[in-house]
Amino acid sequence: MESLGFSNFRQLMDQWDETADGMNKDQVKSIIEGGGFIFFFEKGNELFAAPESSRVAFATMKHPDDDMPKTWAQEAAFTALNLSRALEGTPIKSVFNYKDLDDIHVKKDDEMYDLLMSKIKDLPSGKINLQKAIRDEEDREEPDAPEDAPDNMNKIGEK
């Protein structure tokens, strides 16, 4: 009798694992390179991605221009997609303001790729459907601003 470790079934399972891992890598790479995100960061144990307008708002909040009103940085906010939750199939947009700046750690895209791939290994299924999660998120409306956010929050960073 042939050992299960060398059976055709085991070979098929190994081949499936390699295929699923390749699919995860492709999905993560497509989000980082083609998802419209250019600003990646980590806050706590969560990973986030944001578009150019959020990157500009973050940079301006972190290093305000002398021409900006002194209270602008405290009133400004930006949004980002929680990629950690998106891996689980539940994309959530979060709003960040000046209180969050010290806890935000900017990541390069290759660092974000590695962090996301390590998070996938912690998922119960070990696989994701990140593309579906991102498409679902794009169909949602903008998040409600916190009650203390300025009225022009959604306009910050736009030209």
Foldseek 3Di string as FASTA:
>chain_A
DDDPCPDPVVVVVVVVVVVQLVVQLVLLVCCLVPVQWFWWKDFDLWIWTDHPLQVVLLVCLVPPDPPDPPCVQQQEKDKIWTVLVLQVVAIDIDIDGSVRNVRIGTDHSVVVSVSSQVSLCVDPVSHGDNVNSSVVVVPDDDDDDPPSHDPCRVVRSPD
